[in-house]
Amino acid sequence: MKSALLLIDIQKGFDDPNWGQRNNPGLEANITALLNHWRGRGDPVIHVKHNSTSEESPLWPGHLGNEIYYFAKPLDNEPLFEKNVNSAFIGTGLSDHLTSIGNPPLVLVGLTSDHCVNTTARMAGNLGHETYMVADATATFNKIDHQ
């Protein structure tokens, strides 16, 4: 069975210095390689974009940071689902779309690995989807522990 590549929140707003230092400098190259491979095979490619509910966020709709990075822009035949929570399944048509294409195994990449990618992976599993996260095609940022 073909698998679907699910690209999550690969947006310019994650360049904002307030996020801190990103842990995976190879993110762009690794996602580009996977995306080219999926497109070359003709397997499903699905995009998810986060629309923040806070006007101050770089991911707010209308801000430059809300745009998808150039290397991950959807092609005309690739669906884009927009969300405003951590899970790509809440408030979107993603689940229905996956059903319509035969519920292929999901391969997740994107930002951030400990928020939206992780939440989407856990919810996909809860919904019965065979799900994989590509470690070198996800990234997160330094965190400060509460002291």
N, C-alpha and C. Protein backbone atom coordinates (compact mmCIF):
# COMPACT_ATOMS: atom_id res chain seq x y z
N MET A 1 0.85 -1.19 0.00
CA MET A 1 0.00 0.00 0.00
C MET A 1 0.88 1.24 0.00
N LYS A 2 0.46 2.23 -0.75
CA LYS A 2 1.17 3.50 -0.75
C LYS A 2 1.04 4.16 0.61
N SER A 3 2.05 4.91 1.00
CA SER A 3 1.98 5.67 2.25
C SER A 3 1.80 7.15 1.89
N ALA A 4 1.28 7.90 2.84
CA ALA A 4 1.06 9.33 2.65
C ALA A 4 2.08 10.11 3.47
N LEU A 5 2.70 11.08 2.83
CA LEU A 5 3.62 11.98 3.53
C LEU A 5 2.80 13.16 4.05
N LEU A 6 2.83 13.36 5.36
CA LEU A 6 2.08 14.44 6.01
C LEU A 6 3.07 15.48 6.50
N LEU A 7 3.08 16.64 5.85
CA LEU A 7 3.99 17.73 6.20
C LEU A 7 3.26 18.69 7.14
N ILE A 8 3.77 18.84 8.36
CA ILE A 8 3.06 19.58 9.40
C ILE A 8 3.77 20.88 9.75
N ASP A 9 3.09 21.99 9.55
CA ASP A 9 3.50 23.31 10.04
C ASP A 9 4.91 23.71 9.61
N ILE A 10 5.22 23.51 8.37
CA ILE A 10 6.55 23.88 7.86
C ILE A 10 6.44 25.33 7.38
N GLN A 11 6.45 26.24 8.35
CA GLN A 11 6.12 27.64 8.11
C GLN A 11 7.24 28.59 8.50
N LYS A 12 7.28 29.72 7.80
CA LYS A 12 8.33 30.71 7.99
C LYS A 12 8.37 31.30 9.39
N GLY A 13 7.26 31.28 10.09
CA GLY A 13 7.22 31.84 11.44
C GLY A 13 8.16 31.16 12.42
N PHE A 14 8.60 29.96 12.09
CA PHE A 14 9.54 29.26 12.97
C PHE A 14 10.96 29.79 12.83
N ASP A 15 11.17 30.77 11.95
CA ASP A 15 12.46 31.47 11.88
C ASP A 15 12.55 32.56 12.95
N ASP A 16 11.44 32.89 13.57
CA ASP A 16 11.41 33.94 14.58
C ASP A 16 12.39 33.59 15.71
N PRO A 17 13.26 34.52 16.08
CA PRO A 17 14.26 34.22 17.12
C PRO A 17 13.66 33.91 18.49
N ASN A 18 12.41 34.29 18.72
CA ASN A 18 11.79 33.99 20.01
C ASN A 18 11.61 32.50 20.26
N TRP A 19 11.64 31.68 19.19
CA TRP A 19 11.53 30.24 19.38
C TRP A 19 12.79 29.66 20.01
N GLY A 20 13.92 30.34 19.82
CA GLY A 20 15.20 29.81 20.32
C GLY A 20 15.92 29.05 19.23
N GLN A 21 16.95 28.32 19.64
CA GLN A 21 17.77 27.57 18.69
C GLN A 21 17.08 26.27 18.31
N ARG A 22 17.03 26.02 17.00
CA ARG A 22 16.42 24.78 16.50
C ARG A 22 17.42 23.64 16.59
N ASN A 23 16.94 22.43 16.86
CA ASN A 23 17.83 21.30 17.08
C ASN A 23 18.25 20.55 15.82
N ASN A 24 17.61 20.71 14.70
CA ASN A 24 17.93 19.90 13.53
C ASN A 24 18.27 20.79 12.34
N PRO A 25 19.54 21.11 12.15
CA PRO A 25 19.91 21.98 11.02
C PRO A 25 19.70 21.34 9.65
N GLY A 26 19.51 20.02 9.60
CA GLY A 26 19.29 19.35 8.32
C GLY A 26 17.83 19.20 7.94
N LEU A 27 16.94 19.84 8.69
CA LEU A 27 15.50 19.70 8.47
C LEU A 27 15.10 19.96 7.01
N GLU A 28 15.49 21.10 6.48
CA GLU A 28 15.08 21.49 5.13
C GLU A 28 15.53 20.46 4.09
N ALA A 29 16.78 20.05 4.14
CA ALA A 29 17.31 19.10 3.16
C ALA A 29 16.62 17.75 3.29
N ASN A 30 16.37 17.31 4.51
CA ASN A 30 15.74 16.00 4.71
C ASN A 30 14.28 16.00 4.26
N ILE A 31 13.56 17.07 4.56
CA ILE A 31 12.17 17.16 4.10
C ILE A 31 12.12 17.26 2.58
N THR A 32 13.01 18.05 2.00
CA THR A 32 13.06 18.19 0.54
C THR A 32 13.30 16.84 -0.12
N ALA A 33 14.22 16.05 0.42
CA ALA A 33 14.51 14.73 -0.16
C ALA A 33 13.29 13.81 -0.07
N LEU A 34 12.63 13.80 1.08
CA LEU A 34 11.44 12.97 1.24
C LEU A 34 10.32 13.44 0.31
N LEU A 35 10.11 14.72 0.25
CA LEU A 35 9.05 15.27 -0.59
C LEU A 35 9.29 14.93 -2.06
N ASN A 36 10.52 15.08 -2.52
CA ASN A 36 10.85 14.73 -3.90
C ASN A 36 10.62 13.24 -4.16
N HIS A 37 10.98 12.41 -3.19
CA HIS A 37 10.79 10.97 -3.32
C HIS A 37 9.31 10.63 -3.42
N TRP A 38 8.48 11.19 -2.53
CA TRP A 38 7.04 10.91 -2.54
C TRP A 38 6.42 11.37 -3.85
N ARG A 39 6.76 12.59 -4.25
CA ARG A 39 6.19 13.11 -5.50
C ARG A 39 6.65 12.26 -6.69
N GLY A 40 7.88 11.82 -6.68
CA GLY A 40 8.40 10.99 -7.76
C GLY A 40 7.69 9.65 -7.86
N ARG A 41 7.28 9.11 -6.73
CA ARG A 41 6.55 7.83 -6.71
C ARG A 41 5.06 8.01 -7.02
N GLY A 42 4.59 9.24 -6.90
CA GLY A 42 3.17 9.50 -7.08
C GLY A 42 2.33 9.13 -5.87
N ASP A 43 2.97 9.02 -4.71
CA ASP A 43 2.25 8.72 -3.47
C ASP A 43 1.63 9.99 -2.91
N PRO A 44 0.62 9.84 -2.06
CA PRO A 44 -0.08 11.02 -1.53
C PRO A 44 0.84 11.92 -0.69
N VAL A 45 0.72 13.21 -0.94
CA VAL A 45 1.41 14.25 -0.16
C VAL A 45 0.33 15.17 0.39
N ILE A 46 0.35 15.37 1.71
CA ILE A 46 -0.69 16.16 2.39
C ILE A 46 0.01 17.21 3.24
N HIS A 47 -0.48 18.43 3.20
CA HIS A 47 0.12 19.54 3.95
C HIS A 47 -0.83 20.01 5.04
N VAL A 48 -0.24 20.44 6.15
CA VAL A 48 -0.99 21.01 7.27
C VAL A 48 -0.32 22.33 7.63
N LYS A 49 -1.13 23.34 7.87
CA LYS A 49 -0.61 24.66 8.23
C LYS A 49 -1.30 25.13 9.50
N HIS A 50 -0.49 25.71 10.41
CA HIS A 50 -1.03 26.22 11.67
C HIS A 50 -1.38 27.70 11.52
N ASN A 51 -2.60 28.04 11.89
CA ASN A 51 -3.05 29.43 11.94
C ASN A 51 -3.24 29.78 13.41
N SER A 52 -2.33 30.57 13.94
CA SER A 52 -2.41 30.93 15.35
C SER A 52 -3.67 31.75 15.64
N THR A 53 -4.16 31.64 16.86
CA THR A 53 -5.30 32.44 17.29
C THR A 53 -4.85 33.73 17.98
N SER A 54 -3.53 33.93 18.06
CA SER A 54 -2.97 35.13 18.68
C SER A 54 -2.38 36.06 17.62
N GLU A 55 -2.86 37.29 17.57
CA GLU A 55 -2.35 38.26 16.59
C GLU A 55 -0.87 38.54 16.75
N GLU A 56 -0.32 38.31 17.94
CA GLU A 56 1.10 38.56 18.19
C GLU A 56 1.99 37.45 17.65
N SER A 57 1.42 36.33 17.33
CA SER A 57 2.20 35.17 16.86
C SER A 57 2.66 35.37 15.43
N PRO A 58 3.88 34.92 15.12
CA PRO A 58 4.32 34.96 13.72
C PRO A 58 3.50 34.02 12.84
N LEU A 59 2.74 33.11 13.44
CA LEU A 59 1.92 32.16 12.68
C LEU A 59 0.48 32.64 12.49
N TRP A 60 0.22 33.89 12.86
CA TRP A 60 -1.11 34.49 12.66
C TRP A 60 -1.37 34.62 11.17
N PRO A 61 -2.58 34.25 10.69
CA PRO A 61 -2.91 34.41 9.27
C PRO A 61 -2.70 35.85 8.81
N GLY A 62 -2.07 36.02 7.69
CA GLY A 62 -1.78 37.36 7.18
C GLY A 62 -0.36 37.81 7.49
N HIS A 63 0.27 37.24 8.52
CA HIS A 63 1.67 37.55 8.81
C HIS A 63 2.55 36.74 7.86
N LEU A 64 3.70 37.28 7.52
CA LEU A 64 4.65 36.58 6.66
C LEU A 64 4.99 35.20 7.23
N GLY A 65 5.08 35.09 8.54
CA GLY A 65 5.43 33.83 9.18
C GLY A 65 4.40 32.73 9.01
N ASN A 66 3.20 33.08 8.61
CA ASN A 66 2.17 32.07 8.39
C ASN A 66 2.39 31.30 7.09
N GLU A 67 3.21 31.84 6.20
CA GLU A 67 3.45 31.20 4.91
C GLU A 67 4.27 29.92 5.06
N ILE A 68 4.01 28.98 4.19
CA ILE A 68 4.78 27.74 4.15
C ILE A 68 6.13 28.02 3.50
N TYR A 69 7.19 27.41 4.05
CA TYR A 69 8.52 27.56 3.47
C TYR A 69 8.52 27.16 2.00
N TYR A 70 9.36 27.81 1.21
CA TYR A 70 9.45 27.58 -0.24
C TYR A 70 9.69 26.11 -0.58
N PHE A 71 10.49 25.39 0.21
CA PHE A 71 10.87 24.02 -0.13
C PHE A 71 9.75 23.01 0.14
N ALA A 72 8.69 23.45 0.81
CA ALA A 72 7.60 22.54 1.16
C ALA A 72 6.25 23.02 0.64
N LYS A 73 6.24 23.97 -0.26
CA LYS A 73 4.96 24.50 -0.77
C LYS A 73 4.15 23.41 -1.45
N PRO A 74 2.85 23.38 -1.17
CA PRO A 74 1.99 22.38 -1.81
C PRO A 74 1.87 22.62 -3.32
N LEU A 75 1.83 21.54 -4.06
CA LEU A 75 1.48 21.62 -5.48
C LEU A 75 -0.04 21.71 -5.58
N ASP A 76 -0.54 22.07 -6.73
CA ASP A 76 -1.98 22.26 -6.92
C ASP A 76 -2.80 21.01 -6.58
N ASN A 77 -2.24 19.84 -6.79
CA ASN A 77 -2.97 18.60 -6.54
C ASN A 77 -2.77 18.04 -5.13
N GLU A 78 -2.07 18.78 -4.27
CA GLU A 78 -1.79 18.33 -2.90
C GLU A 78 -2.66 19.10 -1.91
N PRO A 79 -3.48 18.38 -1.14
CA PRO A 79 -4.38 19.08 -0.21
C PRO A 79 -3.63 19.78 0.92
N LEU A 80 -4.21 20.90 1.35
CA LEU A 80 -3.70 21.68 2.47
C LEU A 80 -4.81 21.81 3.50
N PHE A 81 -4.53 21.37 4.72
CA PHE A 81 -5.49 21.49 5.82
C PHE A 81 -4.96 22.52 6.80
N GLU A 82 -5.83 23.44 7.21
CA GLU A 82 -5.44 24.50 8.14
C GLU A 82 -6.07 24.23 9.49
N LYS A 83 -5.27 24.45 10.54
CA LYS A 83 -5.71 24.15 11.90
C LYS A 83 -5.30 25.30 12.82
N ASN A 84 -5.85 25.30 14.03
CA ASN A 84 -5.41 26.30 15.02
C ASN A 84 -5.20 25.65 16.38
N VAL A 85 -5.02 24.33 16.39
CA VAL A 85 -4.68 23.57 17.59
C VAL A 85 -3.52 22.65 17.25
N ASN A 86 -3.02 21.88 18.22
CA ASN A 86 -1.86 21.03 17.98
C ASN A 86 -2.13 19.86 17.04
N SER A 87 -3.32 19.31 17.05
CA SER A 87 -3.62 18.13 16.23
C SER A 87 -4.12 18.52 14.84
N ALA A 88 -3.55 17.88 13.83
CA ALA A 88 -4.00 18.11 12.46
C ALA A 88 -5.36 17.49 12.18
N PHE A 89 -5.90 16.73 13.14
CA PHE A 89 -7.19 16.08 12.96
C PHE A 89 -8.36 16.89 13.50
N ILE A 90 -8.10 17.86 14.37
CA ILE A 90 -9.18 18.61 15.01
C ILE A 90 -9.53 19.84 14.18
N GLY A 91 -10.80 19.92 13.78
CA GLY A 91 -11.29 21.07 13.04
C GLY A 91 -10.87 21.10 11.58
N THR A 92 -10.40 19.97 11.06
CA THR A 92 -9.99 19.89 9.65
C THR A 92 -10.71 18.72 8.99
N GLY A 93 -10.55 18.61 7.72
CA GLY A 93 -11.11 17.47 7.00
C GLY A 93 -10.10 16.36 6.77
N LEU A 94 -9.00 16.35 7.54
CA LEU A 94 -7.93 15.38 7.32
C LEU A 94 -8.42 13.94 7.44
N SER A 95 -9.16 13.63 8.47
CA SER A 95 -9.61 12.27 8.68
C SER A 95 -10.48 11.79 7.51
N ASP A 96 -11.39 12.63 7.06
CA ASP A 96 -12.24 12.28 5.92
C ASP A 96 -11.40 12.10 4.65
N HIS A 97 -10.42 12.97 4.47
CA HIS A 97 -9.56 12.85 3.29
C HIS A 97 -8.80 11.52 3.31
N LEU A 98 -8.25 11.16 4.47
CA LEU A 98 -7.52 9.90 4.56
C LEU A 98 -8.43 8.71 4.26
N THR A 99 -9.65 8.76 4.75
CA THR A 99 -10.62 7.70 4.45
C THR A 99 -10.86 7.62 2.94
N SER A 100 -10.98 8.78 2.30
CA SER A 100 -11.28 8.82 0.86
C SER A 100 -10.14 8.27 0.00
N ILE A 101 -8.92 8.24 0.53
CA ILE A 101 -7.78 7.71 -0.23
C ILE A 101 -7.33 6.35 0.30
N GLY A 102 -8.17 5.71 1.10
CA GLY A 102 -7.90 4.34 1.53
C GLY A 102 -7.12 4.18 2.82
N ASN A 103 -7.04 5.23 3.62
CA ASN A 103 -6.34 5.19 4.91
C ASN A 103 -4.93 4.63 4.80
N PRO A 104 -4.08 5.27 4.00
CA PRO A 104 -2.71 4.78 3.86
C PRO A 104 -1.92 5.00 5.15
N PRO A 105 -0.84 4.25 5.34
CA PRO A 105 0.06 4.55 6.46
C PRO A 105 0.53 6.01 6.34
N LEU A 106 0.72 6.65 7.48
CA LEU A 106 1.13 8.06 7.51
C LEU A 106 2.60 8.18 7.90
N VAL A 107 3.32 9.03 7.18
CA VAL A 107 4.71 9.35 7.50
C VAL A 107 4.74 10.84 7.79
N LEU A 108 5.04 11.19 9.05
CA LEU A 108 4.96 12.58 9.51
C LEU A 108 6.32 13.25 9.56
N VAL A 109 6.35 14.49 9.07
CA VAL A 109 7.53 15.35 9.15
C VAL A 109 7.05 16.75 9.51
N GLY A 110 7.96 17.59 10.02
CA GLY A 110 7.59 18.99 10.24
C GLY A 110 7.99 19.55 11.58
N LEU A 111 7.24 20.59 11.96
CA LEU A 111 7.53 21.38 13.15
C LEU A 111 6.27 21.47 14.02
N THR A 112 6.43 21.48 15.26
CA THR A 112 7.58 21.05 16.03
C THR A 112 7.34 19.63 16.52
N SER A 113 8.44 18.90 16.67
CA SER A 113 8.33 17.48 16.99
C SER A 113 7.65 17.22 18.32
N ASP A 114 7.78 18.13 19.27
CA ASP A 114 7.21 17.91 20.60
C ASP A 114 5.84 18.55 20.78
N HIS A 115 5.32 19.18 19.76
CA HIS A 115 3.98 19.75 19.85
C HIS A 115 3.07 19.18 18.76
N CYS A 116 2.98 19.87 17.65
CA CYS A 116 2.00 19.50 16.63
C CYS A 116 2.30 18.18 15.94
N VAL A 117 3.57 17.88 15.70
CA VAL A 117 3.89 16.60 15.06
C VAL A 117 3.57 15.46 16.02
N ASN A 118 3.99 15.58 17.27
CA ASN A 118 3.74 14.55 18.27
C ASN A 118 2.24 14.37 18.52
N THR A 119 1.52 15.45 18.69
CA THR A 119 0.08 15.37 18.95
C THR A 119 -0.65 14.73 17.77
N THR A 120 -0.28 15.11 16.57
CA THR A 120 -0.90 14.52 15.38
C THR A 120 -0.58 13.03 15.29
N ALA A 121 0.65 12.65 15.60
CA ALA A 121 1.04 11.23 15.56
C ALA A 121 0.24 10.42 16.58
N ARG A 122 0.12 10.94 17.79
CA ARG A 122 -0.62 10.22 18.83
C ARG A 122 -2.10 10.09 18.46
N MET A 123 -2.68 11.17 17.94
CA MET A 123 -4.09 11.12 17.58
C MET A 123 -4.30 10.21 16.37
N ALA A 124 -3.37 10.21 15.42
CA ALA A 124 -3.48 9.31 14.27
C ALA A 124 -3.50 7.87 14.74
N GLY A 125 -2.61 7.55 15.68
CA GLY A 125 -2.60 6.20 16.24
C GLY A 125 -3.90 5.87 16.94
N ASN A 126 -4.42 6.81 17.70
CA ASN A 126 -5.69 6.59 18.39
C ASN A 126 -6.83 6.36 17.42
N LEU A 127 -6.74 6.95 16.23
CA LEU A 127 -7.77 6.79 15.21
C LEU A 127 -7.55 5.55 14.35
N GLY A 128 -6.49 4.79 14.66
CA GLY A 128 -6.25 3.54 13.96
C GLY A 128 -5.34 3.62 12.75
N HIS A 129 -4.66 4.75 12.56
CA HIS A 129 -3.75 4.89 11.42
C HIS A 129 -2.38 4.34 11.77
N GLU A 130 -1.80 3.58 10.87
CA GLU A 130 -0.40 3.18 10.99
C GLU A 130 0.41 4.46 10.79
N THR A 131 1.25 4.80 11.77
CA THR A 131 1.87 6.14 11.78
C THR A 131 3.34 6.07 12.10
N TYR A 132 4.13 6.87 11.38
CA TYR A 132 5.57 6.94 11.58
C TYR A 132 5.99 8.41 11.61
N MET A 133 6.96 8.73 12.48
CA MET A 133 7.58 10.06 12.50
C MET A 133 9.02 9.89 12.01
N VAL A 134 9.45 10.76 11.12
CA VAL A 134 10.82 10.71 10.62
C VAL A 134 11.67 11.63 11.50
N ALA A 135 12.54 11.03 12.31
CA ALA A 135 13.29 11.78 13.32
C ALA A 135 14.14 12.90 12.72
N ASP A 136 14.79 12.65 11.58
CA ASP A 136 15.65 13.69 11.04
C ASP A 136 14.93 14.64 10.08
N ALA A 137 13.59 14.52 10.02
CA ALA A 137 12.78 15.45 9.23
C ALA A 137 11.74 16.13 10.11
N THR A 138 12.05 16.18 11.42
CA THR A 138 11.27 16.95 12.39
C THR A 138 12.26 17.78 13.18
N ALA A 139 11.76 18.78 13.88
CA ALA A 139 12.65 19.61 14.69
C ALA A 139 11.85 20.28 15.79
N THR A 140 12.58 20.72 16.79
CA THR A 140 12.00 21.52 17.86
C THR A 140 13.04 22.55 18.29
N PHE A 141 12.77 23.22 19.39
CA PHE A 141 13.62 24.32 19.83
C PHE A 141 14.01 24.12 21.29
N ASN A 142 15.10 24.79 21.70
CA ASN A 142 15.52 24.72 23.10
C ASN A 142 14.39 25.11 24.00
N LYS A 143 14.29 24.42 25.10
CA LYS A 143 13.26 24.71 26.11
C LYS A 143 13.96 25.06 27.42
N ILE A 144 13.34 25.91 28.18
CA ILE A 144 13.85 26.25 29.51
C ILE A 144 12.93 25.64 30.53
N ASP A 145 13.49 24.88 31.45
CA ASP A 145 12.72 24.23 32.49
C ASP A 145 12.36 25.27 33.56
N HIS A 146 11.25 25.04 34.23
CA HIS A 146 10.86 25.90 35.34
C HIS A 146 11.76 25.61 36.52
N GLN A 147 12.22 26.64 37.17
CA GLN A 147 13.13 26.43 38.31
C GLN A 147 12.49 26.81 39.60
